[in-house]
Amino acid sequence: VGALYRLDPDGAVSCHIEGVTVSNGIDWSPDDQLMYYIDTATRR
């Protein structure tokens, strides 16, 4: 019942991934083409 959110510099908040149990690690590839993301409960 968790989610992944994005906070913009103007204060706006948007939701981008839903159905998350334990939202965890997040980062991007050096070329900005990929985002890596962990929901720990998935073991992935």
PDB file of all heavy atoms in Angstrom:
ATOM      1  N   VAL A   1       0.828  -1.215   0.000  1.00  0.00           N
ATOM      2  CA  VAL A   1       0.000   0.000   0.000  1.00  0.00           C
ATOM      3  C   VAL A   1       0.862   1.265   0.000  1.00  0.00           C
ATOM      4  O   VAL A   1       0.366   2.361   0.278  1.00  0.00           O
ATOM      5  CB  VAL A   1      -0.964   0.009   1.208  1.00  0.00           C
ATOM      6  CG1 VAL A   1      -2.006  -1.095   1.071  1.00  0.00           C
ATOM      7  CG2 VAL A   1      -0.206  -0.142   2.534  1.00  0.00           C
ATOM      8  N   GLY A   2       2.162   1.125  -0.312  1.00  0.00           N
ATOM      9  CA  GLY A   2       3.040   2.271  -0.414  1.00  0.00           C
ATOM     10  C   GLY A   2       3.184   2.724  -1.855  1.00  0.00           C
ATOM     11  O   GLY A   2       2.551   2.188  -2.772  1.00  0.00           O
ATOM     12  N   ALA A   3       4.053   3.719  -2.070  1.00  0.00           N
ATOM     13  CA  ALA A   3       4.208   4.281  -3.411  1.00  0.00           C
ATOM     14  C   ALA A   3       5.544   5.006  -3.512  1.00  0.00           C
ATOM     15  O   ALA A   3       6.220   5.258  -2.514  1.00  0.00           O
ATOM     16  CB  ALA A   3       3.058   5.241  -3.715  1.00  0.00           C
ATOM     17  N   LEU A   4       5.908   5.363  -4.741  1.00  0.00           N
ATOM     18  CA  LEU A   4       7.088   6.170  -5.012  1.00  0.00           C
ATOM     19  C   LEU A   4       6.622   7.537  -5.511  1.00  0.00           C
ATOM     20  O   LEU A   4       5.828   7.627  -6.462  1.00  0.00           O
ATOM     21  CB  LEU A   4       7.979   5.516  -6.067  1.00  0.00           C
ATOM     22  CG  LEU A   4       9.217   6.322  -6.479  1.00  0.00           C
ATOM     23  CD1 LEU A   4      10.199   6.457  -5.318  1.00  0.00           C
ATOM     24  CD2 LEU A   4       9.904   5.687  -7.692  1.00  0.00           C
ATOM     25  N   TYR A   5       7.138   8.598  -4.880  1.00  0.00           N
ATOM     26  CA  TYR A   5       6.713   9.960  -5.186  1.00  0.00           C
ATOM     27  C   TYR A   5       7.867  10.782  -5.738  1.00  0.00           C
ATOM     28  O   TYR A   5       9.037  10.503  -5.470  1.00  0.00           O
ATOM     29  CB  TYR A   5       6.180  10.643  -3.918  1.00  0.00           C
ATOM     30  CG  TYR A   5       4.952   9.976  -3.353  1.00  0.00           C
ATOM     31  CD1 TYR A   5       5.073   8.982  -2.383  1.00  0.00           C
ATOM     32  CD2 TYR A   5       3.678  10.313  -3.814  1.00  0.00           C
ATOM     33  CE1 TYR A   5       3.951   8.359  -1.872  1.00  0.00           C
ATOM     34  CE2 TYR A   5       2.554   9.685  -3.307  1.00  0.00           C
ATOM     35  CZ  TYR A   5       2.690   8.708  -2.336  1.00  0.00           C
ATOM     36  OH  TYR A   5       1.578   8.073  -1.834  1.00  0.00           O
ATOM     37  N   ARG A   6       7.502  11.845  -6.462  1.00  0.00           N
ATOM     38  CA  ARG A   6       8.474  12.817  -6.965  1.00  0.00           C
ATOM     39  C   ARG A   6       8.090  14.198  -6.461  1.00  0.00           C
ATOM     40  O   ARG A   6       6.970  14.668  -6.700  1.00  0.00           O
ATOM     41  CB  ARG A   6       8.471  12.820  -8.493  1.00  0.00           C
ATOM     42  CG  ARG A   6       9.637  13.585  -9.127  1.00  0.00           C
ATOM     43  CD  ARG A   6       9.412  13.766 -10.619  1.00  0.00           C
ATOM     44  NE  ARG A   6       8.452  14.828 -10.897  1.00  0.00           N
ATOM     45  CZ  ARG A   6       7.677  14.862 -11.988  1.00  0.00           C
ATOM     46  NH1 ARG A   6       7.715  13.884 -12.871  1.00  0.00           N
ATOM     47  NH2 ARG A   6       6.847  15.880 -12.164  1.00  0.00           N
ATOM     48  N   LEU A   7       9.030  14.824  -5.751  1.00  0.00           N
ATOM     49  CA  LEU A   7       8.852  16.194  -5.287  1.00  0.00           C
ATOM     50  C   LEU A   7       9.597  17.119  -6.234  1.00  0.00           C
ATOM     51  O   LEU A   7      10.816  17.024  -6.378  1.00  0.00           O
ATOM     52  CB  LEU A   7       9.387  16.356  -3.859  1.00  0.00           C
ATOM     53  CG  LEU A   7       9.406  17.780  -3.296  1.00  0.00           C
ATOM     54  CD1 LEU A   7       7.984  18.279  -3.042  1.00  0.00           C
ATOM     55  CD2 LEU A   7      10.225  17.826  -1.994  1.00  0.00           C
ATOM     56  N   ASP A   8       8.873  18.028  -6.866  1.00  0.00           N
ATOM     57  CA  ASP A   8       9.484  18.976  -7.783  1.00  0.00           C
ATOM     58  C   ASP A   8       9.955  20.224  -7.037  1.00  0.00           C
ATOM     59  O   ASP A   8       9.450  20.538  -5.952  1.00  0.00           O
ATOM     60  CB  ASP A   8       8.487  19.374  -8.869  1.00  0.00           C
ATOM     61  CG  ASP A   8       8.157  18.214  -9.803  1.00  0.00           C
ATOM     62  OD1 ASP A   8       8.881  17.196  -9.770  1.00  0.00           O
ATOM     63  OD2 ASP A   8       7.176  18.329 -10.561  1.00  0.00           O
ATOM     64  N   PRO A   9      10.893  20.976  -7.616  1.00  0.00           N
ATOM     65  CA  PRO A   9      11.379  22.185  -6.950  1.00  0.00           C
ATOM     66  C   PRO A   9      10.297  23.210  -6.632  1.00  0.00           C
ATOM     67  O   PRO A   9      10.463  24.006  -5.703  1.00  0.00           O
ATOM     68  CB  PRO A   9      12.401  22.736  -7.943  1.00  0.00           C
ATOM     69  CG  PRO A   9      12.934  21.517  -8.627  1.00  0.00           C
ATOM     70  CD  PRO A   9      11.736  20.626  -8.780  1.00  0.00           C
ATOM     71  N   ASP A  10       9.188  23.191  -7.374  1.00  0.00           N
ATOM     72  CA  ASP A  10       8.105  24.133  -7.075  1.00  0.00           C
ATOM     73  C   ASP A  10       7.166  23.637  -5.988  1.00  0.00           C
ATOM     74  O   ASP A  10       6.173  24.305  -5.671  1.00  0.00           O
ATOM     75  CB  ASP A  10       7.307  24.451  -8.337  1.00  0.00           C
ATOM     76  CG  ASP A  10       6.574  23.235  -8.905  1.00  0.00           C
ATOM     77  OD1 ASP A  10       6.641  22.132  -8.302  1.00  0.00           O
ATOM     78  OD2 ASP A  10       5.931  23.379  -9.973  1.00  0.00           O
ATOM     79  N   GLY A  11       7.475  22.471  -5.391  1.00  0.00           N
ATOM     80  CA  GLY A  11       6.674  21.932  -4.304  1.00  0.00           C
ATOM     81  C   GLY A  11       5.602  20.951  -4.723  1.00  0.00           C
ATOM     82  O   GLY A  11       4.944  20.351  -3.864  1.00  0.00           O
ATOM     83  N   ALA A  12       5.410  20.757  -6.016  1.00  0.00           N
ATOM     84  CA  ALA A  12       4.405  19.806  -6.486  1.00  0.00           C
ATOM     85  C   ALA A  12       4.865  18.377  -6.234  1.00  0.00           C
ATOM     86  O   ALA A  12       6.046  18.053  -6.394  1.00  0.00           O
ATOM     87  CB  ALA A  12       4.149  20.010  -7.976  1.00  0.00           C
ATOM     88  N   VAL A  13       3.926  17.511  -5.846  1.00  0.00           N
ATOM     89  CA  VAL A  13       4.209  16.102  -5.581  1.00  0.00           C
ATOM     90  C   VAL A  13       3.380  15.251  -6.533  1.00  0.00           C
ATOM     91  O   VAL A  13       2.178  15.475  -6.710  1.00  0.00           O
ATOM     92  CB  VAL A  13       3.878  15.719  -4.128  1.00  0.00           C
ATOM     93  CG1 VAL A  13       4.096  14.231  -3.898  1.00  0.00           C
ATOM     94  CG2 VAL A  13       4.732  16.528  -3.158  1.00  0.00           C
ATOM     95  N   SER A  14       4.016  14.265  -7.151  1.00  0.00           N
ATOM     96  CA  SER A  14       3.320  13.338  -8.029  1.00  0.00           C
ATOM     97  C   SER A  14       3.709  11.909  -7.686  1.00  0.00           C
ATOM     98  O   SER A  14       4.809  11.656  -7.194  1.00  0.00           O
ATOM     99  CB  SER A  14       3.630  13.640  -9.502  1.00  0.00           C
ATOM    100  OG  SER A  14       5.032  13.711  -9.711  1.00  0.00           O
ATOM    101  N   CYS A  15       2.793  10.974  -7.932  1.00  0.00           N
ATOM    102  CA  CYS A  15       3.013   9.552  -7.640  1.00  0.00           C
ATOM    103  C   CYS A  15       3.351   8.824  -8.934  1.00  0.00           C
ATOM    104  O   CYS A  15       2.660   9.003  -9.948  1.00  0.00           O
ATOM    105  CB  CYS A  15       1.759   8.962  -7.006  1.00  0.00           C
ATOM    106  SG  CYS A  15       1.892   7.203  -6.625  1.00  0.00           S
ATOM    107  N   HIS A  16       4.392   7.978  -8.905  1.00  0.00           N
ATOM    108  CA  HIS A  16       4.854   7.334 -10.129  1.00  0.00           C
ATOM    109  C   HIS A  16       4.849   5.811 -10.088  1.00  0.00           C
ATOM    110  O   HIS A  16       4.839   5.184 -11.139  1.00  0.00           O
ATOM    111  CB  HIS A  16       6.241   7.862 -10.486  1.00  0.00           C
ATOM    112  CG  HIS A  16       6.201   9.297 -10.889  1.00  0.00           C
ATOM    113  ND1 HIS A  16       6.111   9.708 -12.190  1.00  0.00           N
ATOM    114  CD2 HIS A  16       6.185  10.432 -10.139  1.00  0.00           C
ATOM    115  CE1 HIS A  16       6.063  11.034 -12.242  1.00  0.00           C
ATOM    116  NE2 HIS A  16       6.108  11.494 -11.009  1.00  0.00           N
ATOM    117  N   ILE A  17       4.927   5.205  -8.916  1.00  0.00           N
ATOM    118  CA  ILE A  17       4.795   3.753  -8.795  1.00  0.00           C
ATOM    119  C   ILE A  17       3.906   3.487  -7.585  1.00  0.00           C
ATOM    120  O   ILE A  17       4.135   4.031  -6.505  1.00  0.00           O
ATOM    121  CB  ILE A  17       6.160   3.058  -8.608  1.00  0.00           C
ATOM    122  CG1 ILE A  17       7.074   3.306  -9.813  1.00  0.00           C
ATOM    123  CG2 ILE A  17       5.977   1.555  -8.390  1.00  0.00           C
ATOM    124  CD1 ILE A  17       8.470   2.694  -9.669  1.00  0.00           C
ATOM    125  N   GLU A  18       2.903   2.632  -7.751  1.00  0.00           N
ATOM    126  CA  GLU A  18       2.005   2.277  -6.659  1.00  0.00           C
ATOM    127  C   GLU A  18       2.133   0.791  -6.347  1.00  0.00           C
ATOM    128  O   GLU A  18       2.856   0.052  -7.018  1.00  0.00           O
ATOM    129  CB  GLU A  18       0.563   2.638  -7.024  1.00  0.00           C
ATOM    130  CG  GLU A  18       0.342   4.128  -7.238  1.00  0.00           C
ATOM    131  CD  GLU A  18      -1.104   4.468  -7.528  1.00  0.00           C
ATOM    132  OE1 GLU A  18      -1.523   4.301  -8.688  1.00  0.00           O
ATOM    133  OE2 GLU A  18      -1.811   4.887  -6.581  1.00  0.00           O
ATOM    134  N   GLY A  19       1.449   0.339  -5.291  1.00  0.00           N
ATOM    135  CA  GLY A  19       1.481  -1.063  -4.911  1.00  0.00           C
ATOM    136  C   GLY A  19       2.804  -1.498  -4.333  1.00  0.00           C
ATOM    137  O   GLY A  19       3.209  -2.657  -4.458  1.00  0.00           O
ATOM    138  N   VAL A  20       3.510  -0.570  -3.656  1.00  0.00           N
ATOM    139  CA  VAL A  20       4.835  -0.820  -3.107  1.00  0.00           C
ATOM    140  C   VAL A  20       4.715  -1.243  -1.648  1.00  0.00           C
ATOM    141  O   VAL A  20       3.915  -0.694  -0.895  1.00  0.00           O
ATOM    142  CB  VAL A  20       5.703   0.452  -3.217  1.00  0.00           C
ATOM    143  CG1 VAL A  20       7.038   0.268  -2.516  1.00  0.00           C
ATOM    144  CG2 VAL A  20       5.901   0.826  -4.683  1.00  0.00           C
ATOM    145  N   THR A  21       5.539  -2.210  -1.241  1.00  0.00           N
ATOM    146  CA  THR A  21       5.552  -2.656   0.154  1.00  0.00           C
ATOM    147  C   THR A  21       6.645  -1.950   0.949  1.00  0.00           C
ATOM    148  O   THR A  21       6.380  -1.384   2.017  1.00  0.00           O
ATOM    149  CB  THR A  21       5.738  -4.178   0.234  1.00  0.00           C
ATOM    150  OG1 THR A  21       4.676  -4.815  -0.502  1.00  0.00           O
ATOM    151  CG2 THR A  21       5.690  -4.664   1.682  1.00  0.00           C
ATOM    152  N   VAL A  22       7.879  -1.969   0.454  1.00  0.00           N
ATOM    153  CA  VAL A  22       9.002  -1.286   1.123  1.00  0.00           C
ATOM    154  C   VAL A  22       9.817  -0.558   0.054  1.00  0.00           C
ATOM    155  O   VAL A  22      10.739  -1.118  -0.535  1.00  0.00           O
ATOM    156  CB  VAL A  22       9.902  -2.271   1.905  1.00  0.00           C
ATOM    157  CG1 VAL A  22      11.038  -1.527   2.591  1.00  0.00           C
ATOM    158  CG2 VAL A  22       9.088  -3.055   2.932  1.00  0.00           C
ATOM    159  N   SER A  23       9.475   0.691  -0.203  1.00  0.00           N
ATOM    160  CA  SER A  23      10.211   1.467  -1.197  1.00  0.00           C
ATOM    161  C   SER A  23      11.623   1.715  -0.683  1.00  0.00           C
ATOM    162  O   SER A  23      11.824   2.163   0.445  1.00  0.00           O
ATOM    163  CB  SER A  23       9.512   2.798  -1.450  1.00  0.00           C
ATOM    164  OG  SER A  23      10.130   3.481  -2.524  1.00  0.00           O
ATOM    165  N   ASN A  24      12.610   1.439  -1.534  1.00  0.00           N
ATOM    166  CA  ASN A  24      13.990   1.553  -1.089  1.00  0.00           C
ATOM    167  C   ASN A  24      14.853   2.187  -2.170  1.00  0.00           C
ATOM    168  O   ASN A  24      14.504   3.232  -2.694  1.00  0.00           O
ATOM    169  CB  ASN A  24      14.525   0.192  -0.622  1.00  0.00           C
ATOM    170  CG  ASN A  24      14.903   0.204   0.845  1.00  0.00           C
ATOM    171  OD1 ASN A  24      15.569   1.119   1.310  1.00  0.00           O
ATOM    172  ND2 ASN A  24      14.500  -0.811   1.582  1.00  0.00           N
ATOM    173  N   GLY A  25      16.001   1.567  -2.504  1.00  0.00           N
ATOM    174  CA  GLY A  25      17.008   2.212  -3.327  1.00  0.00           C
ATOM    175  C   GLY A  25      16.499   2.715  -4.661  1.00  0.00           C
ATOM    176  O   GLY A  25      15.660   2.085  -5.313  1.00  0.00           O
ATOM    177  N   ILE A  26      17.046   3.875  -5.056  1.00  0.00           N
ATOM    178  CA  ILE A  26      16.689   4.476  -6.346  1.00  0.00           C
ATOM    179  C   ILE A  26      17.884   5.280  -6.853  1.00  0.00           C
ATOM    180  O   ILE A  26      18.528   6.008  -6.094  1.00  0.00           O
ATOM    181  CB  ILE A  26      15.430   5.356  -6.210  1.00  0.00           C
ATOM    182  CG1 ILE A  26      15.089   6.042  -7.536  1.00  0.00           C
ATOM    183  CG2 ILE A  26      15.600   6.383  -5.107  1.00  0.00           C
ATOM    184  CD1 ILE A  26      13.763   6.761  -7.510  1.00  0.00           C
ATOM    185  N   ASP A  27      18.205   5.102  -8.148  1.00  0.00           N
ATOM    186  CA  ASP A  27      19.238   5.902  -8.781  1.00  0.00           C
ATOM    187  C   ASP A  27      19.102   5.724 -10.295  1.00  0.00           C
ATOM    188  O   ASP A  27      18.305   4.896 -10.762  1.00  0.00           O
ATOM    189  CB  ASP A  27      20.637   5.505  -8.298  1.00  0.00           C
ATOM    190  CG  ASP A  27      21.650   6.647  -8.407  1.00  0.00           C
ATOM    191  OD1 ASP A  27      21.326   7.690  -9.010  1.00  0.00           O
ATOM    192  OD2 ASP A  27      22.771   6.496  -7.894  1.00  0.00           O
ATOM    193  N   TRP A  28      19.918   6.467 -11.053  1.00  0.00           N
ATOM    194  CA  TRP A  28      19.783   6.543 -12.491  1.00  0.00           C
ATOM    195  C   TRP A  28      21.094   6.188 -13.175  1.00  0.00           C
ATOM    196  O   TRP A  28      22.181   6.405 -12.621  1.00  0.00           O
ATOM    197  CB  TRP A  28      19.360   7.959 -12.897  1.00  0.00           C
ATOM    198  CG  TRP A  28      17.977   8.292 -12.441  1.00  0.00           C
ATOM    199  CD1 TRP A  28      16.816   8.175 -13.153  1.00  0.00           C
ATOM    200  CD2 TRP A  28      17.597   8.782 -11.146  1.00  0.00           C
ATOM    201  NE1 TRP A  28      15.747   8.556 -12.389  1.00  0.00           N
ATOM    202  CE2 TRP A  28      16.184   8.940 -11.151  1.00  0.00           C
ATOM    203  CE3 TRP A  28      18.295   9.102  -9.980  1.00  0.00           C
ATOM    204  CZ2 TRP A  28      15.476   9.393 -10.042  1.00  0.00           C
ATOM    205  CZ3 TRP A  28      17.594   9.553  -8.866  1.00  0.00           C
ATOM    206  CH2 TRP A  28      16.200   9.696  -8.905  1.00  0.00           C
ATOM    207  N   SER A  29      20.996   5.678 -14.391  1.00  0.00           N
ATOM    208  CA  SER A  29      22.184   5.389 -15.188  1.00  0.00           C
ATOM    209  C   SER A  29      22.866   6.704 -15.564  1.00  0.00           C
ATOM    210  O   SER A  29      22.231   7.760 -15.608  1.00  0.00           O
ATOM    211  CB  SER A  29      21.797   4.619 -16.451  1.00  0.00           C
ATOM    212  OG  SER A  29      20.874   5.372 -17.237  1.00  0.00           O
ATOM    213  N   PRO A  30      24.182   6.670 -15.847  1.00  0.00           N
ATOM    214  CA  PRO A  30      24.895   7.914 -16.172  1.00  0.00           C
ATOM    215  C   PRO A  30      24.323   8.667 -17.365  1.00  0.00           C
ATOM    216  O   PRO A  30      24.436   9.896 -17.426  1.00  0.00           O
ATOM    217  CB  PRO A  30      26.320   7.430 -16.445  1.00  0.00           C
ATOM    218  CG  PRO A  30      26.456   6.201 -15.597  1.00  0.00           C
ATOM    219  CD  PRO A  30      25.108   5.536 -15.673  1.00  0.00           C
ATOM    220  N   ASP A  31      23.688   7.971 -18.306  1.00  0.00           N
ATOM    221  CA  ASP A  31      23.102   8.652 -19.463  1.00  0.00           C
ATOM    222  C   ASP A  31      21.661   9.074 -19.236  1.00  0.00           C
ATOM    223  O   ASP A  31      21.002   9.600 -20.151  1.00  0.00           O
ATOM    224  CB  ASP A  31      23.200   7.783 -20.721  1.00  0.00           C
ATOM    225  CG  ASP A  31      22.402   6.481 -20.611  1.00  0.00           C
ATOM    226  OD1 ASP A  31      21.699   6.268 -19.595  1.00  0.00           O
ATOM    227  OD2 ASP A  31      22.497   5.660 -21.552  1.00  0.00           O
ATOM    228  N   ASP A  32      21.135   8.834 -18.026  1.00  0.00           N
ATOM    229  CA  ASP A  32      19.770   9.238 -17.648  1.00  0.00           C
ATOM    230  C   ASP A  32      18.679   8.491 -18.414  1.00  0.00           C
ATOM    231  O   ASP A  32      17.517   8.888 -18.363  1.00  0.00           O
ATOM    232  CB  ASP A  32      19.561  10.750 -17.833  1.00  0.00           C
ATOM    233  CG  ASP A  32      19.827  11.533 -16.558  1.00  0.00           C
ATOM    234  OD1 ASP A  32      19.817  10.928 -15.475  1.00  0.00           O
ATOM    235  OD2 ASP A  32      20.047  12.757 -16.647  1.00  0.00           O
ATOM    236  N   GLN A  33      19.023   7.410 -19.063  1.00  0.00           N
ATOM    237  CA  GLN A  33      18.018   6.669 -19.820  1.00  0.00           C
ATOM    238  C   GLN A  33      17.279   5.642 -18.963  1.00  0.00           C
ATOM    239  O   GLN A  33      16.176   5.210 -19.317  1.00  0.00           O
ATOM    240  CB  GLN A  33      18.670   5.961 -21.009  1.00  0.00           C
ATOM    241  CG  GLN A  33      19.296   6.891 -22.026  1.00  0.00           C
ATOM    242  CD  GLN A  33      18.279   7.822 -22.643  1.00  0.00           C
ATOM    243  OE1 GLN A  33      17.320   7.381 -23.277  1.00  0.00           O
ATOM    244  NE2 GLN A  33      18.477   9.122 -22.454  1.00  0.00           N
ATOM    245  N   LEU A  34      17.887   5.244 -17.837  1.00  0.00           N
ATOM    246  CA  LEU A  34      17.321   4.189 -16.999  1.00  0.00           C
ATOM    247  C   LEU A  34      17.228   4.644 -15.554  1.00  0.00           C
ATOM    248  O   LEU A  34      18.071   5.403 -15.070  1.00  0.00           O
ATOM    249  CB  LEU A  34      18.200   2.935 -17.057  1.00  0.00           C
ATOM    250  CG  LEU A  34      18.421   2.300 -18.424  1.00  0.00           C
ATOM    251  CD1 LEU A  34      19.440   1.173 -18.319  1.00  0.00           C
ATOM    252  CD2 LEU A  34      17.103   1.781 -19.005  1.00  0.00           C
ATOM    253  N   MET A  35      16.206   4.176 -14.866  1.00  0.00           N
ATOM    254  CA  MET A  35      16.090   4.345 -13.419  1.00  0.00           C
ATOM    255  C   MET A  35      16.083   2.961 -12.782  1.00  0.00           C
ATOM    256  O   MET A  35      15.341   2.070 -13.228  1.00  0.00           O
ATOM    257  CB  MET A  35      14.804   5.081 -13.032  1.00  0.00           C
ATOM    258  CG  MET A  35      14.697   5.367 -11.537  1.00  0.00           C
ATOM    259  SD  MET A  35      13.186   6.274 -11.093  1.00  0.00           S
ATOM    260  CE  MET A  35      12.030   4.900 -10.935  1.00  0.00           C
ATOM    261  N   TYR A  36      16.921   2.773 -11.768  1.00  0.00           N
ATOM    262  CA  TYR A  36      16.942   1.533 -11.003  1.00  0.00           C
ATOM    263  C   TYR A  36      16.154   1.750  -9.719  1.00  0.00           C
ATOM    264  O   TYR A  36      16.244   2.814  -9.090  1.00  0.00           O
ATOM    265  CB  TYR A  36      18.385   1.135 -10.684  1.00  0.00           C
ATOM    266  CG  TYR A  36      19.216   0.867 -11.913  1.00  0.00           C
ATOM    267  CD1 TYR A  36      20.011   1.873 -12.460  1.00  0.00           C
ATOM    268  CD2 TYR A  36      19.190  -0.371 -12.537  1.00  0.00           C
ATOM    269  CE1 TYR A  36      20.776   1.646 -13.599  1.00  0.00           C
ATOM    270  CE2 TYR A  36      19.955  -0.611 -13.677  1.00  0.00           C
ATOM    271  CZ  TYR A  36      20.747   0.400 -14.204  1.00  0.00           C
ATOM    272  OH  TYR A  36      21.486   0.171 -15.330  1.00  0.00           O
ATOM    273  N   TYR A  37      15.400   0.728  -9.315  1.00  0.00           N
ATOM    274  CA  TYR A  37      14.492   0.911  -8.185  1.00  0.00           C
ATOM    275  C   TYR A  37      14.308  -0.410  -7.440  1.00  0.00           C
ATOM    276  O   TYR A  37      14.254  -1.484  -8.051  1.00  0.00           O
ATOM    277  CB  TYR A  37      13.129   1.409  -8.678  1.00  0.00           C
ATOM    278  CG  TYR A  37      12.093   1.544  -7.602  1.00  0.00           C
ATOM    279  CD1 TYR A  37      12.231   2.484  -6.585  1.00  0.00           C
ATOM    280  CD2 TYR A  37      10.960   0.720  -7.590  1.00  0.00           C
ATOM    281  CE1 TYR A  37      11.279   2.611  -5.590  1.00  0.00           C
ATOM    282  CE2 TYR A  37       9.997   0.843  -6.606  1.00  0.00           C
ATOM    283  CZ  TYR A  37      10.163   1.785  -5.602  1.00  0.00           C
ATOM    284  OH  TYR A  37       9.217   1.897  -4.607  1.00  0.00           O
ATOM    285  N   ILE A  38      14.205  -0.296  -6.108  1.00  0.00           N
ATOM    286  CA  ILE A  38      14.020  -1.473  -5.257  1.00  0.00           C
ATOM    287  C   ILE A  38      12.755  -1.343  -4.433  1.00  0.00           C
ATOM    288  O   ILE A  38      12.560  -0.351  -3.722  1.00  0.00           O
ATOM    289  CB  ILE A  38      15.223  -1.660  -4.307  1.00  0.00           C
ATOM    290  CG1 ILE A  38      16.483  -2.029  -5.085  1.00  0.00           C
ATOM    291  CG2 ILE A  38      14.933  -2.725  -3.242  1.00  0.00           C
ATOM    292  CD1 ILE A  38      17.749  -2.031  -4.241  1.00  0.00           C
ATOM    293  N   ASP A  39      11.883  -2.327  -4.533  1.00  0.00           N
ATOM    294  CA  ASP A  39      10.865  -2.606  -3.518  1.00  0.00           C
ATOM    295  C   ASP A  39      11.376  -3.854  -2.817  1.00  0.00           C
ATOM    296  O   ASP A  39      11.350  -4.953  -3.375  1.00  0.00           O
ATOM    297  CB  ASP A  39       9.495  -2.842  -4.156  1.00  0.00           C
ATOM    298  CG  ASP A  39       8.416  -3.225  -3.142  1.00  0.00           C
ATOM    299  OD1 ASP A  39       8.737  -3.441  -1.952  1.00  0.00           O
ATOM    300  OD2 ASP A  39       7.234  -3.336  -3.538  1.00  0.00           O
ATOM    301  N   THR A  40      11.882  -3.693  -1.591  1.00  0.00           N
ATOM    302  CA  THR A  40      12.604  -4.765  -0.914  1.00  0.00           C
ATOM    303  C   THR A  40      11.794  -6.054  -0.836  1.00  0.00           C
ATOM    304  O   THR A  40      12.351  -7.157  -0.911  1.00  0.00           O
ATOM    305  CB  THR A  40      13.021  -4.302   0.494  1.00  0.00           C
ATOM    306  OG1 THR A  40      13.961  -3.224   0.353  1.00  0.00           O
ATOM    307  CG2 THR A  40      13.683  -5.418   1.281  1.00  0.00           C
ATOM    308  N   ALA A  41      10.485  -5.939  -0.698  1.00  0.00           N
ATOM    309  CA  ALA A  41       9.647  -7.133  -0.563  1.00  0.00           C
ATOM    310  C   ALA A  41       9.702  -8.032  -1.793  1.00  0.00           C
ATOM    311  O   ALA A  41       9.436  -9.234  -1.696  1.00  0.00           O
ATOM    312  CB  ALA A  41       8.204  -6.717  -0.278  1.00  0.00           C
ATOM    313  N   THR A  42      10.060  -7.485  -2.947  1.00  0.00           N
ATOM    314  CA  THR A  42      10.132  -8.294  -4.167  1.00  0.00           C
ATOM    315  C   THR A  42      11.431  -9.076  -4.279  1.00  0.00           C
ATOM    316  O   THR A  42      11.560  -9.934  -5.150  1.00  0.00           O
ATOM    317  CB  THR A  42      10.004  -7.407  -5.413  1.00  0.00           C
ATOM    318  OG1 THR A  42      11.152  -6.547  -5.494  1.00  0.00           O
ATOM    319  CG2 THR A  42       8.737  -6.554  -5.350  1.00  0.00           C
ATOM    320  N   ARG A  43      12.434  -8.728  -3.430  1.00  0.00           N
ATOM    321  CA  ARG A  43      13.786  -9.300  -3.497  1.00  0.00           C
ATOM    322  C   ARG A  43      14.433  -9.043  -4.859  1.00  0.00           C
ATOM    323  O   ARG A  43      15.240  -9.833  -5.344  1.00  0.00           O
ATOM    324  CB  ARG A  43      13.773 -10.811  -3.209  1.00  0.00           C
ATOM    325  CG  ARG A  43      13.463 -11.162  -1.770  1.00  0.00           C
ATOM    326  CD  ARG A  43      13.681 -12.644  -1.491  1.00  0.00           C
ATOM    327  NE  ARG A  43      13.476 -12.951  -0.091  1.00  0.00           N
ATOM    328  CZ  ARG A  43      14.407 -12.866   0.848  1.00  0.00           C
ATOM    329  NH1 ARG A  43      15.623 -12.487   0.520  1.00  0.00           N
ATOM    330  NH2 ARG A  43      14.126 -13.173   2.102  1.00  0.00           N
ATOM    331  N   ARG A  44      14.103  -7.879  -5.469  1.00  0.00           N
ATOM    332  CA  ARG A  44      14.646  -7.560  -6.788  1.00  0.00           C
ATOM    333  C   ARG A  44      15.161  -6.132  -6.828  1.00  0.00           C
ATOM    334  O   ARG A  44      14.697  -5.255  -6.093  1.00  0.00           O
ATOM    335  CB  ARG A  44      13.555  -7.658  -7.871  1.00  0.00           C
ATOM    336  CG  ARG A  44      12.984  -8.999  -8.172  1.00  0.00           C
ATOM    337  CD  ARG A  44      12.212  -8.957  -9.501  1.00  0.00           C
ATOM    338  NE  ARG A  44      11.324  -7.807  -9.632  1.00  0.00           N
ATOM    339  CZ  ARG A  44      10.020  -7.817  -9.341  1.00  0.00           C
ATOM    340  NH1 ARG A  44       9.448  -8.933  -8.894  1.00  0.00           N
ATOM    341  NH2 ARG A  44       9.285  -6.738  -9.516  1.00  0.00           N
TER     342      ARG A  44
END
